[in-house]
Each structure stands twice: as C-alpha cells, then as structure tokens.
Amino acid sequence: MDDIMNQGVVGALAFGKAKAKTQEEWAKDLERIWDRSTGMLLKQKGFRGLRAFWAADGSRDTMVMGVWETMDDRMAYERSVSPGVQGAFDEILQNPARRQKFILVRRTVN
C-alpha cells in the first residue's frame, strides 16, 4: 500500500453516475481522459495522487479521489486548473459530479 494517506492530507472526492454501463466501459472512458487530467494535476503543488472507483454493485455509481498534502494546496488547484480536470471527468458522467473535500483524521494500515 502506498503511503500518501497520512494524517492531515485532504481527500477530494467526486461522486457521479457513469455514462458507461459496465466497469470495462468505465475503464475505457477513464483511459480517454486520464492523461489529460493527470497532466494538469501533476503540475500542482501538493498533489499526491488520483484514484477512480466503480461501484461493486453495478449501479454505475463512481467515485474519483484526489489526494492533496494540504487544504491550501487543494484550494490553489481550485483557483487554477480545476475547471479543466473537472470538465474532463464530467464528460464521462451522466451529470456533473457531486464534490466534497475531507481531511484525514485517523487511519490504520497493514
């Protein structure tokens, strides 16, 4: 397990329903936008990683999680390239994603 999830990091989560009907289609949609999105993100101070999830129940619900070192880093991103990254993900969702930011307070790793 990578060690980007240290206490105090910010997890920015986006939830939405995929246009894709299957996990495999979702993976193809992600492949189409991933390099464009991560290219913008990797230039941002404090960016630690990005993960995309597909709901195991087949409901087409998805979650994308970006990890940032600090809330200040995350907010600086929102003032710069955020519209481009969010727009790329919104292309593959039925509606714009619901977004929320969380601060890691406690964790256990094994």
N, C-alpha and C. Protein backbone atom coordinates (compact mmCIF):
# COMPACT_ATOMS: atom_id res chain seq x y z
N MET A 1 0.85 -1.19 0.00
CA MET A 1 0.00 0.00 0.00
C MET A 1 0.89 1.24 0.00
N ASP A 2 0.58 2.18 -0.89
CA ASP A 2 1.37 3.40 -0.91
C ASP A 2 1.05 4.24 0.32
N ASP A 3 1.92 5.16 0.62
CA ASP A 3 1.79 5.89 1.88
C ASP A 3 1.45 7.35 1.64
N ILE A 4 0.48 7.62 0.75
CA ILE A 4 0.09 9.00 0.52
C ILE A 4 -0.99 9.46 1.51
N MET A 5 -1.58 8.54 2.21
CA MET A 5 -2.69 8.88 3.09
C MET A 5 -2.21 9.08 4.52
N ASN A 6 -1.49 10.14 4.75
CA ASN A 6 -1.02 10.48 6.08
C ASN A 6 -2.02 11.41 6.75
N GLN A 7 -2.00 11.41 8.06
CA GLN A 7 -2.91 12.28 8.82
C GLN A 7 -2.74 13.72 8.35
N GLY A 8 -3.85 14.38 8.12
CA GLY A 8 -3.85 15.77 7.71
C GLY A 8 -3.99 15.99 6.22
N VAL A 9 -3.79 14.94 5.40
CA VAL A 9 -3.95 15.14 3.97
C VAL A 9 -5.42 15.38 3.65
N VAL A 10 -5.65 15.95 2.48
CA VAL A 10 -7.00 16.25 2.03
C VAL A 10 -7.39 15.27 0.94
N GLY A 11 -8.50 14.60 1.13
CA GLY A 11 -9.08 13.75 0.11
C GLY A 11 -10.24 14.48 -0.52
N ALA A 12 -10.11 14.78 -1.79
CA ALA A 12 -11.18 15.45 -2.51
C ALA A 12 -11.92 14.39 -3.31
N LEU A 13 -13.19 14.18 -2.99
CA LEU A 13 -13.97 13.11 -3.59
C LEU A 13 -15.03 13.68 -4.52
N ALA A 14 -15.17 13.02 -5.67
CA ALA A 14 -16.21 13.37 -6.62
C ALA A 14 -17.05 12.13 -6.87
N PHE A 15 -18.35 12.28 -6.73
CA PHE A 15 -19.28 11.16 -6.89
C PHE A 15 -20.20 11.45 -8.07
N GLY A 16 -20.41 10.44 -8.90
CA GLY A 16 -21.33 10.62 -10.02
C GLY A 16 -21.72 9.28 -10.61
N LYS A 17 -22.72 9.30 -11.47
CA LYS A 17 -23.17 8.11 -12.17
C LYS A 17 -22.57 8.13 -13.57
N ALA A 18 -21.87 7.05 -13.91
CA ALA A 18 -21.17 6.96 -15.18
C ALA A 18 -22.14 6.86 -16.35
N LYS A 19 -21.71 7.40 -17.49
CA LYS A 19 -22.43 7.14 -18.74
C LYS A 19 -22.20 5.68 -19.14
N ALA A 20 -21.02 5.15 -18.82
CA ALA A 20 -20.69 3.76 -19.13
C ALA A 20 -21.66 2.83 -18.42
N LYS A 21 -21.95 1.73 -19.08
CA LYS A 21 -22.87 0.75 -18.49
C LYS A 21 -22.14 -0.36 -17.73
N THR A 22 -20.85 -0.51 -17.96
CA THR A 22 -20.08 -1.57 -17.32
C THR A 22 -18.76 -1.01 -16.79
N GLN A 23 -18.15 -1.77 -15.90
CA GLN A 23 -16.84 -1.39 -15.37
C GLN A 23 -15.81 -1.30 -16.51
N GLU A 24 -15.90 -2.20 -17.47
CA GLU A 24 -14.97 -2.20 -18.58
C GLU A 24 -15.12 -0.94 -19.43
N GLU A 25 -16.37 -0.53 -19.68
CA GLU A 25 -16.61 0.71 -20.42
C GLU A 25 -16.09 1.91 -19.63
N TRP A 26 -16.28 1.90 -18.32
CA TRP A 26 -15.79 2.97 -17.45
C TRP A 26 -14.26 3.07 -17.56
N ALA A 27 -13.60 1.92 -17.54
CA ALA A 27 -12.14 1.91 -17.68
C ALA A 27 -11.71 2.52 -19.01
N LYS A 28 -12.44 2.24 -20.09
CA LYS A 28 -12.12 2.83 -21.40
C LYS A 28 -12.35 4.33 -21.39
N ASP A 29 -13.45 4.77 -20.77
CA ASP A 29 -13.70 6.21 -20.66
C ASP A 29 -12.59 6.90 -19.87
N LEU A 30 -12.16 6.27 -18.78
CA LEU A 30 -11.07 6.84 -17.98
C LEU A 30 -9.79 6.93 -18.80
N GLU A 31 -9.52 5.89 -19.57
CA GLU A 31 -8.30 5.89 -20.39
C GLU A 31 -8.29 7.08 -21.33
N ARG A 32 -9.45 7.45 -21.85
CA ARG A 32 -9.56 8.56 -22.80
C ARG A 32 -9.22 9.91 -22.15
N ILE A 33 -9.54 10.08 -20.87
CA ILE A 33 -9.34 11.39 -20.23
C ILE A 33 -8.20 11.43 -19.22
N TRP A 34 -7.68 10.27 -18.83
CA TRP A 34 -6.75 10.17 -17.70
C TRP A 34 -5.48 10.99 -17.90
N ASP A 35 -4.79 10.81 -19.02
CA ASP A 35 -3.53 11.52 -19.23
C ASP A 35 -3.73 13.03 -19.28
N ARG A 36 -4.81 13.47 -19.91
CA ARG A 36 -5.11 14.90 -19.97
C ARG A 36 -5.31 15.45 -18.56
N SER A 37 -6.07 14.73 -17.74
CA SER A 37 -6.37 15.18 -16.37
C SER A 37 -5.13 15.13 -15.48
N THR A 38 -4.45 13.99 -15.48
CA THR A 38 -3.29 13.86 -14.60
C THR A 38 -2.15 14.78 -15.05
N GLY A 39 -2.08 15.07 -16.34
CA GLY A 39 -1.07 16.03 -16.80
C GLY A 39 -1.22 17.38 -16.13
N MET A 40 -2.45 17.81 -15.96
CA MET A 40 -2.71 19.08 -15.27
C MET A 40 -2.45 18.95 -13.78
N LEU A 41 -2.88 17.84 -13.20
CA LEU A 41 -2.75 17.64 -11.76
C LEU A 41 -1.30 17.52 -11.31
N LEU A 42 -0.50 16.82 -12.07
CA LEU A 42 0.90 16.58 -11.66
C LEU A 42 1.72 17.86 -11.57
N LYS A 43 1.25 18.93 -12.18
CA LYS A 43 1.95 20.22 -12.11
C LYS A 43 1.56 21.03 -10.88
N GLN A 44 0.57 20.53 -10.13
CA GLN A 44 0.05 21.28 -8.99
C GLN A 44 0.81 20.96 -7.70
N LYS A 45 1.18 22.00 -6.97
CA LYS A 45 1.86 21.83 -5.69
C LYS A 45 0.98 21.03 -4.73
N GLY A 46 1.57 20.04 -4.08
CA GLY A 46 0.87 19.28 -3.06
C GLY A 46 0.00 18.15 -3.58
N PHE A 47 -0.11 17.98 -4.89
CA PHE A 47 -0.91 16.88 -5.42
C PHE A 47 -0.19 15.57 -5.14
N ARG A 48 -0.92 14.59 -4.56
CA ARG A 48 -0.30 13.32 -4.17
C ARG A 48 -0.81 12.12 -4.93
N GLY A 49 -1.97 12.20 -5.55
CA GLY A 49 -2.45 11.04 -6.30
C GLY A 49 -3.92 11.14 -6.67
N LEU A 50 -4.31 10.27 -7.61
CA LEU A 50 -5.67 10.23 -8.09
C LEU A 50 -6.09 8.77 -8.22
N ARG A 51 -7.32 8.48 -7.83
CA ARG A 51 -7.87 7.13 -7.93
C ARG A 51 -9.30 7.22 -8.43
N ALA A 52 -9.69 6.24 -9.24
CA ALA A 52 -11.06 6.19 -9.74
C ALA A 52 -11.66 4.84 -9.37
N PHE A 53 -12.90 4.86 -8.89
CA PHE A 53 -13.58 3.67 -8.40
C PHE A 53 -14.91 3.46 -9.13
N TRP A 54 -15.28 2.20 -9.27
CA TRP A 54 -16.55 1.77 -9.84
C TRP A 54 -17.31 1.03 -8.75
N ALA A 55 -18.59 1.31 -8.55
CA ALA A 55 -19.37 0.63 -7.52
C ALA A 55 -19.47 -0.86 -7.81
N ALA A 56 -19.19 -1.68 -6.82
CA ALA A 56 -19.20 -3.13 -6.97
C ALA A 56 -20.59 -3.69 -7.26
N ASP A 57 -21.63 -2.93 -6.95
CA ASP A 57 -22.99 -3.43 -7.16
C ASP A 57 -23.50 -3.21 -8.58
N GLY A 58 -22.67 -2.62 -9.44
CA GLY A 58 -23.06 -2.41 -10.83
C GLY A 58 -24.05 -1.28 -11.05
N SER A 59 -24.22 -0.43 -10.05
CA SER A 59 -25.18 0.67 -10.12
C SER A 59 -24.74 1.81 -11.03
N ARG A 60 -23.52 1.73 -11.55
CA ARG A 60 -22.90 2.78 -12.37
C ARG A 60 -22.46 3.98 -11.53
N ASP A 61 -22.53 3.85 -10.20
CA ASP A 61 -22.01 4.90 -9.33
C ASP A 61 -20.49 4.85 -9.37
N THR A 62 -19.88 6.02 -9.39
CA THR A 62 -18.43 6.12 -9.43
C THR A 62 -17.94 7.10 -8.37
N MET A 63 -16.68 6.97 -8.04
CA MET A 63 -16.03 7.91 -7.13
C MET A 63 -14.62 8.13 -7.64
N VAL A 64 -14.23 9.37 -7.69
CA VAL A 64 -12.86 9.73 -8.02
C VAL A 64 -12.29 10.45 -6.81
N MET A 65 -11.09 10.03 -6.38
CA MET A 65 -10.48 10.61 -5.19
C MET A 65 -9.12 11.21 -5.56
N GLY A 66 -9.00 12.49 -5.35
CA GLY A 66 -7.72 13.18 -5.46
C GLY A 66 -7.18 13.42 -4.06
N VAL A 67 -5.88 13.27 -3.89
CA VAL A 67 -5.26 13.46 -2.58
C VAL A 67 -4.28 14.62 -2.66
N TRP A 68 -4.37 15.50 -1.66
CA TRP A 68 -3.56 16.71 -1.59
C TRP A 68 -2.88 16.79 -0.24
N GLU A 69 -1.68 17.35 -0.19
CA GLU A 69 -0.94 17.47 1.07
C GLU A 69 -1.65 18.37 2.06
N THR A 70 -2.20 19.49 1.58
CA THR A 70 -2.86 20.44 2.48
C THR A 70 -4.11 21.01 1.82
N MET A 71 -4.98 21.58 2.62
CA MET A 71 -6.16 22.24 2.09
C MET A 71 -5.75 23.46 1.26
N ASP A 72 -4.68 24.16 1.67
CA ASP A 72 -4.20 25.29 0.88
C ASP A 72 -3.80 24.85 -0.52
N ASP A 73 -3.12 23.70 -0.62
CA ASP A 73 -2.75 23.18 -1.94
C ASP A 73 -3.99 22.89 -2.77
N ARG A 74 -4.97 22.26 -2.15
CA ARG A 74 -6.20 21.92 -2.86
C ARG A 74 -6.92 23.18 -3.33
N MET A 75 -7.00 24.17 -2.48
CA MET A 75 -7.70 25.40 -2.85
C MET A 75 -6.95 26.16 -3.95
N ALA A 76 -5.62 26.10 -3.96
CA ALA A 76 -4.85 26.72 -5.04
C ALA A 76 -5.17 26.04 -6.37
N TYR A 77 -5.28 24.72 -6.35
CA TYR A 77 -5.67 23.97 -7.54
C TYR A 77 -7.05 24.43 -8.02
N GLU A 78 -7.98 24.60 -7.11
CA GLU A 78 -9.33 25.01 -7.49
C GLU A 78 -9.33 26.39 -8.14
N ARG A 79 -8.35 27.22 -7.81
CA ARG A 79 -8.25 28.55 -8.40
C ARG A 79 -7.50 28.53 -9.73
N SER A 80 -6.95 27.37 -10.11
CA SER A 80 -6.15 27.34 -11.34
C SER A 80 -6.74 26.38 -12.38
N VAL A 81 -6.32 25.13 -12.39
CA VAL A 81 -6.69 24.20 -13.46
C VAL A 81 -7.91 23.32 -13.16
N SER A 82 -8.50 23.51 -12.02
CA SER A 82 -9.65 22.68 -11.63
C SER A 82 -10.74 22.57 -12.69
N PRO A 83 -11.15 23.66 -13.34
CA PRO A 83 -12.22 23.52 -14.33
C PRO A 83 -11.87 22.54 -15.46
N GLY A 84 -10.62 22.51 -15.88
CA GLY A 84 -10.23 21.58 -16.94
C GLY A 84 -10.29 20.13 -16.50
N VAL A 85 -9.82 19.86 -15.28
CA VAL A 85 -9.84 18.49 -14.77
C VAL A 85 -11.28 18.05 -14.51
N GLN A 86 -12.04 18.88 -13.83
CA GLN A 86 -13.42 18.53 -13.53
C GLN A 86 -14.23 18.37 -14.81
N GLY A 87 -13.97 19.22 -15.78
CA GLY A 87 -14.69 19.12 -17.05
C GLY A 87 -14.41 17.81 -17.76
N ALA A 88 -13.17 17.33 -17.69
CA ALA A 88 -12.82 16.05 -18.32
C ALA A 88 -13.62 14.92 -17.69
N PHE A 89 -13.70 14.90 -16.37
CA PHE A 89 -14.46 13.84 -15.70
C PHE A 89 -15.95 13.99 -15.93
N ASP A 90 -16.44 15.21 -15.98
CA ASP A 90 -17.87 15.41 -16.22
C ASP A 90 -18.27 14.90 -17.61
N GLU A 91 -17.32 14.85 -18.55
CA GLU A 91 -17.60 14.31 -19.89
C GLU A 91 -18.06 12.86 -19.84
N ILE A 92 -17.60 12.12 -18.84
CA ILE A 92 -17.89 10.68 -18.80
C ILE A 92 -18.92 10.32 -17.73
N LEU A 93 -19.56 11.35 -17.17
CA LEU A 93 -20.61 11.14 -16.17
C LEU A 93 -21.95 11.61 -16.74
N GLN A 94 -23.03 11.06 -16.21
CA GLN A 94 -24.36 11.45 -16.68
C GLN A 94 -24.69 12.89 -16.33
N ASN A 95 -24.22 13.34 -15.17
CA ASN A 95 -24.43 14.71 -14.70
C ASN A 95 -23.14 15.17 -14.03
N PRO A 96 -22.95 16.48 -13.86
CA PRO A 96 -21.74 16.92 -13.15
C PRO A 96 -21.61 16.24 -11.79
N ALA A 97 -20.39 15.92 -11.42
CA ALA A 97 -20.12 15.20 -10.18
C ALA A 97 -20.46 16.04 -8.96
N ARG A 98 -20.87 15.36 -7.91
CA ARG A 98 -21.03 15.98 -6.59
C ARG A 98 -19.67 15.91 -5.94
N ARG A 99 -19.13 17.03 -5.50
CA ARG A 99 -17.76 17.08 -4.98
C ARG A 99 -17.75 17.51 -3.52
N GLN A 100 -16.83 16.90 -2.78
CA GLN A 100 -16.67 17.20 -1.35
C GLN A 100 -15.22 17.00 -0.97
N LYS A 101 -14.73 17.78 -0.03
CA LYS A 101 -13.36 17.66 0.47
C LYS A 101 -13.38 17.14 1.92
N PHE A 102 -12.45 16.24 2.22
CA PHE A 102 -12.34 15.64 3.55
C PHE A 102 -10.89 15.72 4.02
N ILE A 103 -10.69 15.88 5.32
CA ILE A 103 -9.36 15.87 5.92
C ILE A 103 -9.20 14.56 6.70
N LEU A 104 -8.12 13.85 6.42
CA LEU A 104 -7.87 12.58 7.10
C LEU A 104 -7.54 12.84 8.56
N VAL A 105 -8.29 12.26 9.45
CA VAL A 105 -8.11 12.44 10.88
C VAL A 105 -7.46 11.23 11.52
N ARG A 106 -7.77 10.06 11.03
CA ARG A 106 -7.22 8.84 11.64
C ARG A 106 -7.15 7.75 10.59
N ARG A 107 -6.17 6.84 10.74
CA ARG A 107 -6.03 5.74 9.80
C ARG A 107 -5.37 4.55 10.45
N THR A 108 -5.57 3.40 9.86
CA THR A 108 -4.86 2.17 10.22
C THR A 108 -4.38 1.56 8.92
N VAL A 109 -3.12 1.16 8.88
CA VAL A 109 -2.59 0.49 7.70
C VAL A 109 -2.00 -0.84 8.11
N ASN A 110 -1.97 -1.74 7.19
CA ASN A 110 -1.44 -3.07 7.47
C ASN A 110 -0.49 -3.47 6.36
